PDB file of all heavy atoms in Angstrom:
ATOM      1  N   VAL A   1     251.380  74.901  40.067  1.00  0.00           N
ATOM      2  CA  VAL A   1     251.249  75.633  38.814  1.00  0.00           C
ATOM      3  C   VAL A   1     252.679  76.096  38.348  1.00  0.00           C
ATOM      4  O   VAL A   1     253.457  76.574  39.185  1.00  0.00           O
ATOM      5  CB  VAL A   1     250.354  76.860  38.940  1.00  0.00           C
ATOM      6  CG1 VAL A   1     250.398  77.743  37.716  1.00  0.00           C
ATOM      7  CG2 VAL A   1     248.906  76.403  39.226  1.00  0.00           C
ATOM      8  N   ILE A   2     252.946  75.911  37.091  1.00  0.00           N
ATOM      9  CA  ILE A   2     254.184  76.380  36.461  1.00  0.00           C
ATOM     10  C   ILE A   2     253.795  77.465  35.450  1.00  0.00           C
ATOM     11  O   ILE A   2     252.890  77.257  34.644  1.00  0.00           O
ATOM     12  CB  ILE A   2     254.969  75.260  35.799  1.00  0.00           C
ATOM     13  CG1 ILE A   2     255.424  74.243  36.819  1.00  0.00           C
ATOM     14  CG2 ILE A   2     256.196  75.857  35.103  1.00  0.00           C
ATOM     15  CD1 ILE A   2     256.101  73.016  36.248  1.00  0.00           C
ATOM     16  N   MET A   3     254.445  78.617  35.543  1.00  0.00           N
ATOM     17  CA  MET A   3     254.197  79.696  34.583  1.00  0.00           C
ATOM     18  C   MET A   3     255.335  79.758  33.614  1.00  0.00           C
ATOM     19  O   MET A   3     256.501  79.871  34.030  1.00  0.00           O
ATOM     20  CB  MET A   3     254.056  81.026  35.359  1.00  0.00           C
ATOM     21  CG  MET A   3     253.687  82.214  34.487  1.00  0.00           C
ATOM     22  SD  MET A   3     253.546  83.763  35.455  1.00  0.00           S
ATOM     23  CE  MET A   3     252.176  83.355  36.511  1.00  0.00           C
ATOM     24  N   GLY A   4     255.044  79.667  32.348  1.00  0.00           N
ATOM     25  CA  GLY A   4     256.086  79.697  31.308  1.00  0.00           C
ATOM     26  C   GLY A   4     256.503  81.114  30.959  1.00  0.00           C
ATOM     27  O   GLY A   4     256.380  82.037  31.758  1.00  0.00           O
ATOM     28  N   VAL A   5     257.049  81.283  29.739  1.00  0.00           N
ATOM     29  CA  VAL A   5     257.482  82.550  29.272  1.00  0.00           C
ATOM     30  C   VAL A   5     256.796  82.875  27.985  1.00  0.00           C
ATOM     31  O   VAL A   5     256.757  82.073  27.061  1.00  0.00           O
ATOM     32  CB  VAL A   5     259.041  82.535  29.049  1.00  0.00           C
ATOM     33  CG1 VAL A   5     259.517  83.859  28.480  1.00  0.00           C
ATOM     34  CG2 VAL A   5     259.748  82.211  30.331  1.00  0.00           C
ATOM     35  N   ARG A   6     256.264  84.114  27.886  1.00  0.00           N
ATOM     36  CA  ARG A   6     255.528  84.514  26.703  1.00  0.00           C
ATOM     37  C   ARG A   6     256.345  85.518  25.834  1.00  0.00           C
ATOM     38  O   ARG A   6     256.263  85.486  24.636  1.00  0.00           O
ATOM     39  CB  ARG A   6     254.181  85.121  27.110  1.00  0.00           C
ATOM     40  CG  ARG A   6     253.410  85.724  25.963  1.00  0.00           C
ATOM     41  CD  ARG A   6     253.076  84.721  24.919  1.00  0.00           C
ATOM     42  NE  ARG A   6     252.451  85.297  23.763  1.00  0.00           N
ATOM     43  CZ  ARG A   6     253.031  85.947  22.749  1.00  0.00           C
ATOM     44  NH1 ARG A   6     254.331  86.171  22.830  1.00  0.00           N
ATOM     45  NH2 ARG A   6     252.343  86.411  21.741  1.00  0.00           N
ATOM     46  N   ASN A   7     257.106  86.339  26.472  1.00  0.00           N
ATOM     47  CA  ASN A   7     257.834  87.352  25.757  1.00  0.00           C
ATOM     48  C   ASN A   7     259.176  87.531  26.331  1.00  0.00           C
ATOM     49  O   ASN A   7     259.487  88.484  27.044  1.00  0.00           O
ATOM     50  CB  ASN A   7     257.041  88.674  25.783  1.00  0.00           C
ATOM     51  CG  ASN A   7     257.645  89.747  24.875  1.00  0.00           C
ATOM     52  OD1 ASN A   7     258.298  89.456  23.871  1.00  0.00           O
ATOM     53  ND2 ASN A   7     257.392  90.988  25.221  1.00  0.00           N
ATOM     54  N   GLY A   8     260.057  86.513  26.133  1.00  0.00           N
ATOM     55  CA  GLY A   8     261.359  86.468  26.746  1.00  0.00           C
ATOM     56  C   GLY A   8     262.336  87.465  26.200  1.00  0.00           C
ATOM     57  O   GLY A   8     261.986  88.296  25.359  1.00  0.00           O
ATOM     58  N   PRO A   9     263.568  87.387  26.750  1.00  0.00           N
ATOM     59  CA  PRO A   9     264.069  86.337  27.591  1.00  0.00           C
ATOM     60  C   PRO A   9     263.492  86.354  28.988  1.00  0.00           C
ATOM     61  O   PRO A   9     263.088  87.355  29.507  1.00  0.00           O
ATOM     62  CB  PRO A   9     265.592  86.597  27.621  1.00  0.00           C
ATOM     63  CG  PRO A   9     265.708  88.063  27.439  1.00  0.00           C
ATOM     64  CD  PRO A   9     264.582  88.436  26.483  1.00  0.00           C
ATOM     65  N   GLY A  10     263.451  85.129  29.590  1.00  0.00           N
ATOM     66  CA  GLY A  10     262.892  85.003  30.908  1.00  0.00           C
ATOM     67  C   GLY A  10     263.002  83.568  31.440  1.00  0.00           C
ATOM     68  O   GLY A  10     263.374  82.687  30.700  1.00  0.00           O
ATOM     69  N   ASP A  11     262.663  83.403  32.726  1.00  0.00           N
ATOM     70  CA  ASP A  11     262.706  82.082  33.351  1.00  0.00           C
ATOM     71  C   ASP A  11     261.275  81.673  33.706  1.00  0.00           C
ATOM     72  O   ASP A  11     260.385  82.468  33.960  1.00  0.00           O
ATOM     73  CB  ASP A  11     263.480  82.179  34.664  1.00  0.00           C
ATOM     74  CG  ASP A  11     264.914  82.645  34.424  1.00  0.00           C
ATOM     75  OD1 ASP A  11     265.530  82.194  33.455  1.00  0.00           O
ATOM     76  OD2 ASP A  11     265.438  83.427  35.234  1.00  0.00           O
ATOM     77  N   MET A  12     261.036  80.358  33.711  1.00  0.00           N
ATOM     78  CA  MET A  12     259.772  79.822  34.146  1.00  0.00           C
ATOM     79  C   MET A  12     259.643  80.058  35.682  1.00  0.00           C
ATOM     80  O   MET A  12     260.651  80.117  36.355  1.00  0.00           O
ATOM     81  CB  MET A  12     259.620  78.396  33.831  1.00  0.00           C
ATOM     82  CG  MET A  12     259.595  78.087  32.333  1.00  0.00           C
ATOM     83  SD  MET A  12     258.873  76.476  31.934  1.00  0.00           S
ATOM     84  CE  MET A  12     259.666  75.362  33.086  1.00  0.00           C
ATOM     85  N   LEU A  13     258.413  80.187  36.153  1.00  0.00           N
ATOM     86  CA  LEU A  13     258.140  80.388  37.593  1.00  0.00           C
ATOM     87  C   LEU A  13     257.351  79.201  38.113  1.00  0.00           C
ATOM     88  O   LEU A  13     256.491  78.660  37.457  1.00  0.00           O
ATOM     89  CB  LEU A  13     257.324  81.707  37.795  1.00  0.00           C
ATOM     90  CG  LEU A  13     257.922  82.989  37.241  1.00  0.00           C
ATOM     91  CD1 LEU A  13     257.005  84.172  37.560  1.00  0.00           C
ATOM     92  CD2 LEU A  13     259.323  83.262  37.782  1.00  0.00           C
ATOM     93  N   LEU A  14     257.675  78.848  39.357  1.00  0.00           N
ATOM     94  CA  LEU A  14     257.039  77.696  40.012  1.00  0.00           C
ATOM     95  C   LEU A  14     256.205  78.195  41.185  1.00  0.00           C
ATOM     96  O   LEU A  14     256.736  78.934  42.083  1.00  0.00           O
ATOM     97  CB  LEU A  14     258.066  76.690  40.500  1.00  0.00           C
ATOM     98  CG  LEU A  14     257.550  75.608  41.474  1.00  0.00           C
ATOM     99  CD1 LEU A  14     256.535  74.696  40.745  1.00  0.00           C
ATOM    100  CD2 LEU A  14     258.738  74.781  41.967  1.00  0.00           C
ATOM    101  N   PHE A  15     254.931  77.821  41.234  1.00  0.00           N
ATOM    102  CA  PHE A  15     254.026  78.165  42.321  1.00  0.00           C
ATOM    103  C   PHE A  15     253.589  76.827  42.973  1.00  0.00           C
ATOM    104  O   PHE A  15     252.809  76.101  42.342  1.00  0.00           O
ATOM    105  CB  PHE A  15     252.841  78.974  41.881  1.00  0.00           C
ATOM    106  CG  PHE A  15     253.239  80.354  41.341  1.00  0.00           C
ATOM    107  CD1 PHE A  15     253.594  80.491  40.015  1.00  0.00           C
ATOM    108  CD2 PHE A  15     253.248  81.471  42.142  1.00  0.00           C
ATOM    109  CE1 PHE A  15     254.007  81.747  39.510  1.00  0.00           C
ATOM    110  CE2 PHE A  15     253.631  82.691  41.700  1.00  0.00           C
ATOM    111  CZ  PHE A  15     253.985  82.825  40.383  1.00  0.00           C
ATOM    112  N   VAL A  16     254.041  76.597  44.175  1.00  0.00           N
ATOM    113  CA  VAL A  16     253.713  75.309  44.865  1.00  0.00           C
ATOM    114  C   VAL A  16     252.482  75.531  45.709  1.00  0.00           C
ATOM    115  O   VAL A  16     252.275  76.586  46.323  1.00  0.00           O
ATOM    116  CB  VAL A  16     254.937  74.881  45.771  1.00  0.00           C
ATOM    117  CG1 VAL A  16     254.488  73.780  46.722  1.00  0.00           C
ATOM    118  CG2 VAL A  16     256.040  74.423  44.878  1.00  0.00           C
ATOM    119  N   ASN A  17     251.567  74.540  45.669  1.00  0.00           N
ATOM    120  CA  ASN A  17     250.362  74.585  46.423  1.00  0.00           C
ATOM    121  C   ASN A  17     250.615  74.210  47.871  1.00  0.00           C
ATOM    122  O   ASN A  17     250.948  73.101  48.198  1.00  0.00           O
ATOM    123  CB  ASN A  17     249.369  73.545  45.777  1.00  0.00           C
ATOM    124  CG  ASN A  17     247.998  73.665  46.397  1.00  0.00           C
ATOM    125  OD1 ASN A  17     247.783  74.248  47.413  1.00  0.00           O
ATOM    126  ND2 ASN A  17     247.040  73.034  45.685  1.00  0.00           N
ATOM    127  N   THR A  18     250.488  75.176  48.732  1.00  0.00           N
ATOM    128  CA  THR A  18     250.691  74.996  50.175  1.00  0.00           C
ATOM    129  C   THR A  18     249.356  75.042  50.922  1.00  0.00           C
ATOM    130  O   THR A  18     249.353  75.189  52.153  1.00  0.00           O
ATOM    131  CB  THR A  18     251.635  76.063  50.724  1.00  0.00           C
ATOM    132  OG1 THR A  18     251.043  77.394  50.561  1.00  0.00           O
ATOM    133  CG2 THR A  18     252.982  75.999  50.059  1.00  0.00           C
ATOM    134  N   GLY A  19     248.237  74.974  50.240  1.00  0.00           N
ATOM    135  CA  GLY A  19     246.972  75.075  50.830  1.00  0.00           C
ATOM    136  C   GLY A  19     246.419  73.755  51.376  1.00  0.00           C
ATOM    137  O   GLY A  19     247.198  72.812  51.682  1.00  0.00           O
ATOM    138  N   THR A  20     245.090  73.589  51.426  1.00  0.00           N
ATOM    139  CA  THR A  20     244.449  72.434  51.938  1.00  0.00           C
ATOM    140  C   THR A  20     243.717  71.715  50.825  1.00  0.00           C
ATOM    141  O   THR A  20     243.666  72.172  49.682  1.00  0.00           O
ATOM    142  CB  THR A  20     243.460  72.824  53.042  1.00  0.00           C
ATOM    143  OG1 THR A  20     242.385  73.580  52.451  1.00  0.00           O
ATOM    144  CG2 THR A  20     244.143  73.656  54.111  1.00  0.00           C
ATOM    145  N   ALA A  21     243.143  70.573  51.160  1.00  0.00           N
ATOM    146  CA  ALA A  21     242.383  69.832  50.165  1.00  0.00           C
ATOM    147  C   ALA A  21     241.166  70.608  49.717  1.00  0.00           C
ATOM    148  O   ALA A  21     240.686  70.444  48.582  1.00  0.00           O
ATOM    149  CB  ALA A  21     241.928  68.465  50.742  1.00  0.00           C
ATOM    150  N   GLY A  22     240.679  71.519  50.543  1.00  0.00           N
ATOM    151  CA  GLY A  22     239.487  72.302  50.223  1.00  0.00           C
ATOM    152  C   GLY A  22     239.756  73.563  49.449  1.00  0.00           C
ATOM    153  O   GLY A  22     238.850  74.138  48.833  1.00  0.00           O
ATOM    154  N   MET A  23     240.987  74.095  49.456  1.00  0.00           N
ATOM    155  CA  MET A  23     241.294  75.323  48.720  1.00  0.00           C
ATOM    156  C   MET A  23     242.823  75.445  48.558  1.00  0.00           C
ATOM    157  O   MET A  23     243.543  75.375  49.533  1.00  0.00           O
ATOM    158  CB  MET A  23     240.762  76.533  49.448  1.00  0.00           C
ATOM    159  CG  MET A  23     241.007  77.853  48.675  1.00  0.00           C
ATOM    160  SD  MET A  23     240.479  77.813  46.918  1.00  0.00           S
ATOM    161  CE  MET A  23     238.681  77.764  47.096  1.00  0.00           C
ATOM    162  N   ALA A  24     243.201  75.666  47.326  1.00  0.00           N
ATOM    163  CA  ALA A  24     244.619  75.824  47.046  1.00  0.00           C
ATOM    164  C   ALA A  24     245.132  77.149  47.471  1.00  0.00           C
ATOM    165  O   ALA A  24     244.449  78.152  47.548  1.00  0.00           O
ATOM    166  CB  ALA A  24     244.836  75.659  45.545  1.00  0.00           C
ATOM    167  N   VAL A  25     246.429  77.183  47.804  1.00  0.00           N
ATOM    168  CA  VAL A  25     247.212  78.447  48.031  1.00  0.00           C
ATOM    169  C   VAL A  25     248.512  78.269  47.262  1.00  0.00           C
ATOM    170  O   VAL A  25     249.254  77.341  47.498  1.00  0.00           O
ATOM    171  CB  VAL A  25     247.497  78.669  49.537  1.00  0.00           C
ATOM    172  CG1 VAL A  25     248.388  79.883  49.690  1.00  0.00           C
ATOM    173  CG2 VAL A  25     246.208  78.856  50.297  1.00  0.00           C
ATOM    174  N   PHE A  26     248.775  79.161  46.342  1.00  0.00           N
ATOM    175  CA  PHE A  26     249.954  79.055  45.476  1.00  0.00           C
ATOM    176  C   PHE A  26     250.995  80.053  45.885  1.00  0.00           C
ATOM    177  O   PHE A  26     250.769  81.265  45.834  1.00  0.00           O
ATOM    178  CB  PHE A  26     249.557  79.261  43.992  1.00  0.00           C
ATOM    179  CG  PHE A  26     248.629  78.244  43.489  1.00  0.00           C
ATOM    180  CD1 PHE A  26     247.314  78.541  43.124  1.00  0.00           C
ATOM    181  CD2 PHE A  26     249.002  76.912  43.300  1.00  0.00           C
ATOM    182  CE1 PHE A  26     246.429  77.618  42.609  1.00  0.00           C
ATOM    183  CE2 PHE A  26     248.164  75.939  42.823  1.00  0.00           C
ATOM    184  CZ  PHE A  26     246.854  76.268  42.474  1.00  0.00           C
ATOM    185  N   GLU A  27     252.150  79.519  46.324  1.00  0.00           N
ATOM    186  CA  GLU A  27     253.256  80.366  46.753  1.00  0.00           C
ATOM    187  C   GLU A  27     254.438  80.109  45.801  1.00  0.00           C
ATOM    188  O   GLU A  27     254.828  78.991  45.528  1.00  0.00           O
ATOM    189  CB  GLU A  27     253.646  80.070  48.160  1.00  0.00           C
ATOM    190  CG  GLU A  27     252.518  80.396  49.170  1.00  0.00           C
ATOM    191  CD  GLU A  27     253.011  80.271  50.578  1.00  0.00           C
ATOM    192  OE1 GLU A  27     254.207  80.490  50.827  1.00  0.00           O
ATOM    193  OE2 GLU A  27     252.160  79.945  51.461  1.00  0.00           O
ATOM    194  N   GLN A  28     255.061  81.216  45.304  1.00  0.00           N
ATOM    195  CA  GLN A  28     256.197  81.112  44.451  1.00  0.00           C
ATOM    196  C   GLN A  28     257.379  80.503  45.152  1.00  0.00           C
ATOM    197  O   GLN A  28     257.662  80.851  46.258  1.00  0.00           O
ATOM    198  CB  GLN A  28     256.537  82.470  43.824  1.00  0.00           C
ATOM    199  CG  GLN A  28     257.647  82.348  42.738  1.00  0.00           C
ATOM    200  CD  GLN A  28     258.111  83.686  42.239  1.00  0.00           C
ATOM    201  OE1 GLN A  28     257.446  84.698  42.463  1.00  0.00           O
ATOM    202  NE2 GLN A  28     259.185  83.711  41.529  1.00  0.00           N
ATOM    203  N   GLN A  29     258.095  79.602  44.457  1.00  0.00           N
ATOM    204  CA  GLN A  29     259.251  78.930  45.018  1.00  0.00           C
ATOM    205  C   GLN A  29     260.408  79.000  44.057  1.00  0.00           C
ATOM    206  O   GLN A  29     260.221  79.024  42.864  1.00  0.00           O
ATOM    207  CB  GLN A  29     258.909  77.437  45.291  1.00  0.00           C
ATOM    208  CG  GLN A  29     257.740  77.177  46.148  1.00  0.00           C
ATOM    209  CD  GLN A  29     257.944  77.525  47.596  1.00  0.00           C
ATOM    210  OE1 GLN A  29     259.085  77.419  48.099  1.00  0.00           O
ATOM    211  NE2 GLN A  29     256.867  77.864  48.297  1.00  0.00           N
ATOM    212  N   ALA A  30     261.588  79.029  44.623  1.00  0.00           N
ATOM    213  CA  ALA A  30     262.813  78.866  43.786  1.00  0.00           C
ATOM    214  C   ALA A  30     263.109  77.398  43.712  1.00  0.00           C
ATOM    215  O   ALA A  30     263.117  76.697  44.680  1.00  0.00           O
ATOM    216  CB  ALA A  30     263.981  79.621  44.461  1.00  0.00           C
ATOM    217  N   ASP A  31     263.405  76.941  42.522  1.00  0.00           N
ATOM    218  CA  ASP A  31     263.663  75.479  42.311  1.00  0.00           C
ATOM    219  C   ASP A  31     264.734  75.328  41.266  1.00  0.00           C
ATOM    220  O   ASP A  31     264.490  75.620  40.056  1.00  0.00           O
ATOM    221  CB  ASP A  31     262.412  74.771  41.897  1.00  0.00           C
ATOM    222  CG  ASP A  31     262.573  73.287  41.813  1.00  0.00           C
ATOM    223  OD1 ASP A  31     263.731  72.826  41.927  1.00  0.00           O
ATOM    224  OD2 ASP A  31     261.570  72.582  41.613  1.00  0.00           O
ATOM    225  N   ALA A  32     265.901  74.825  41.638  1.00  0.00           N
ATOM    226  CA  ALA A  32     266.996  74.661  40.656  1.00  0.00           C
ATOM    227  C   ALA A  32     266.628  73.663  39.583  1.00  0.00           C
ATOM    228  O   ALA A  32     267.084  73.799  38.438  1.00  0.00           O
ATOM    229  CB  ALA A  32     268.260  74.239  41.383  1.00  0.00           C
ATOM    230  N   SER A  33     265.823  72.685  39.887  1.00  0.00           N
ATOM    231  CA  SER A  33     265.497  71.658  38.905  1.00  0.00           C
ATOM    232  C   SER A  33     264.490  72.125  37.850  1.00  0.00           C
ATOM    233  O   SER A  33     264.248  71.458  36.893  1.00  0.00           O
ATOM    234  CB  SER A  33     265.014  70.355  39.563  1.00  0.00           C
ATOM    235  OG  SER A  33     263.655  70.523  40.018  1.00  0.00           O
ATOM    236  N   LEU A  34     263.887  73.319  38.101  1.00  0.00           N
ATOM    237  CA  LEU A  34     263.003  73.898  37.076  1.00  0.00           C
ATOM    238  C   LEU A  34     263.595  75.161  36.483  1.00  0.00           C
ATOM    239  O   LEU A  34     262.937  76.035  36.021  1.00  0.00           O
ATOM    240  CB  LEU A  34     261.662  74.224  37.703  1.00  0.00           C
ATOM    241  CG  LEU A  34     260.795  73.055  38.120  1.00  0.00           C
ATOM    242  CD1 LEU A  34     259.492  73.534  38.760  1.00  0.00           C
ATOM    243  CD2 LEU A  34     260.414  72.214  36.871  1.00  0.00           C
ATOM    244  N   ASP A  35     264.924  75.228  36.516  1.00  0.00           N
ATOM    245  CA  ASP A  35     265.641  76.390  36.055  1.00  0.00           C
ATOM    246  C   ASP A  35     265.725  76.397  34.532  1.00  0.00           C
ATOM    247  O   ASP A  35     266.756  76.109  33.931  1.00  0.00           O
ATOM    248  CB  ASP A  35     267.042  76.398  36.669  1.00  0.00           C
ATOM    249  CG  ASP A  35     267.793  77.688  36.341  1.00  0.00           C
ATOM    250  OD1 ASP A  35     267.151  78.646  35.867  1.00  0.00           O
ATOM    251  OD2 ASP A  35     269.030  77.711  36.543  1.00  0.00           O
ATOM    252  N   VAL A  36     264.562  76.694  33.889  1.00  0.00           N
ATOM    253  CA  VAL A  36     264.505  76.734  32.432  1.00  0.00           C
ATOM    254  C   VAL A  36     264.400  78.151  31.956  1.00  0.00           C
ATOM    255  O   VAL A  36     263.442  78.863  32.283  1.00  0.00           O
ATOM    256  CB  VAL A  36     263.280  75.929  31.934  1.00  0.00           C
ATOM    257  CG1 VAL A  36     263.192  75.990  30.401  1.00  0.00           C
ATOM    258  CG2 VAL A  36     263.378  74.448  32.367  1.00  0.00           C
ATOM    259  N   SER A  37     265.393  78.584  31.212  1.00  0.00           N
ATOM    260  CA  SER A  37     265.414  79.929  30.613  1.00  0.00           C
ATOM    261  C   SER A  37     265.207  79.790  29.147  1.00  0.00           C
ATOM    262  O   SER A  37     265.612  78.852  28.490  1.00  0.00           O
ATOM    263  CB  SER A  37     266.696  80.646  30.939  1.00  0.00           C
ATOM    264  OG  SER A  37     266.892  80.798  32.371  1.00  0.00           O
ATOM    265  N   THR A  38     264.629  80.860  28.579  1.00  0.00           N
ATOM    266  CA  THR A  38     264.379  80.853  27.120  1.00  0.00           C
ATOM    267  C   THR A  38     264.519  82.221  26.533  1.00  0.00           C
ATOM    268  O   THR A  38     264.369  83.203  27.258  1.00  0.00           O
ATOM    269  CB  THR A  38     262.974  80.279  26.809  1.00  0.00           C
ATOM    270  OG1 THR A  38     262.827  80.081  25.386  1.00  0.00           O
ATOM    271  CG2 THR A  38     261.894  81.257  27.297  1.00  0.00           C
ATOM    272  N   ASP A  39     264.860  82.238  25.276  1.00  0.00           N
ATOM    273  CA  ASP A  39     265.009  83.532  24.581  1.00  0.00           C
ATOM    274  C   ASP A  39     263.677  84.254  24.304  1.00  0.00           C
ATOM    275  O   ASP A  39     263.538  85.437  24.468  1.00  0.00           O
ATOM    276  CB  ASP A  39     265.718  83.333  23.256  1.00  0.00           C
ATOM    277  CG  ASP A  39     267.185  82.925  23.450  1.00  0.00           C
ATOM    278  OD1 ASP A  39     267.721  83.156  24.556  1.00  0.00           O
ATOM    279  OD2 ASP A  39     267.743  82.343  22.501  1.00  0.00           O
ATOM    280  N   ILE A  40     262.706  83.418  23.863  1.00  0.00           N
ATOM    281  CA  ILE A  40     261.464  84.026  23.402  1.00  0.00           C
ATOM    282  C   ILE A  40     260.224  83.447  24.098  1.00  0.00           C
ATOM    283  O   ILE A  40     259.472  84.200  24.693  1.00  0.00           O
ATOM    284  CB  ILE A  40     261.281  83.716  21.894  1.00  0.00           C
ATOM    285  CG1 ILE A  40     262.444  84.359  21.099  1.00  0.00           C
ATOM    286  CG2 ILE A  40     259.931  84.251  21.376  1.00  0.00           C
ATOM    287  CD1 ILE A  40     262.447  85.868  21.110  1.00  0.00           C
ATOM    288  N   TYR A  41     260.080  82.141  24.116  1.00  0.00           N
ATOM    289  CA  TYR A  41     258.797  81.541  24.488  1.00  0.00           C
ATOM    290  C   TYR A  41     259.021  80.147  25.050  1.00  0.00           C
ATOM    291  O   TYR A  41     259.820  79.383  24.534  1.00  0.00           O
ATOM    292  CB  TYR A  41     257.936  81.471  23.246  1.00  0.00           C
ATOM    293  CG  TYR A  41     256.592  80.802  23.369  1.00  0.00           C
ATOM    294  CD1 TYR A  41     255.465  81.589  23.708  1.00  0.00           C
ATOM    295  CD2 TYR A  41     256.408  79.460  23.126  1.00  0.00           C
ATOM    296  CE1 TYR A  41     254.237  81.034  23.800  1.00  0.00           C
ATOM    297  CE2 TYR A  41     255.169  78.895  23.227  1.00  0.00           C
ATOM    298  CZ  TYR A  41     254.058  79.663  23.547  1.00  0.00           C
ATOM    299  OH  TYR A  41     252.834  79.073  23.633  1.00  0.00           O
ATOM    300  N   ALA A  42     258.357  79.853  26.172  1.00  0.00           N
ATOM    301  CA  ALA A  42     258.362  78.513  26.758  1.00  0.00           C
ATOM    302  C   ALA A  42     257.018  78.151  27.280  1.00  0.00           C
ATOM    303  O   ALA A  42     256.432  78.881  28.108  1.00  0.00           O
ATOM    304  CB  ALA A  42     259.409  78.496  27.906  1.00  0.00           C
ATOM    305  N   ALA A  43     256.432  77.056  26.736  1.00  0.00           N
ATOM    306  CA  ALA A  43     255.120  76.613  27.094  1.00  0.00           C
ATOM    307  C   ALA A  43     255.231  75.260  27.800  1.00  0.00           C
ATOM    308  O   ALA A  43     255.487  74.267  27.160  1.00  0.00           O
ATOM    309  CB  ALA A  43     254.209  76.522  25.895  1.00  0.00           C
TER     310      ALA A  43
END
């Protein structure tokens, strides 16, 4: 899951699924390649 920005400025957030096939577990990760910042809004 990637979380965008609704009321910036702000950065997008990355939540990587570290769970199993039967149930997801989303843990926030730092990722330079998803380093998208925006003034107002990012979808």
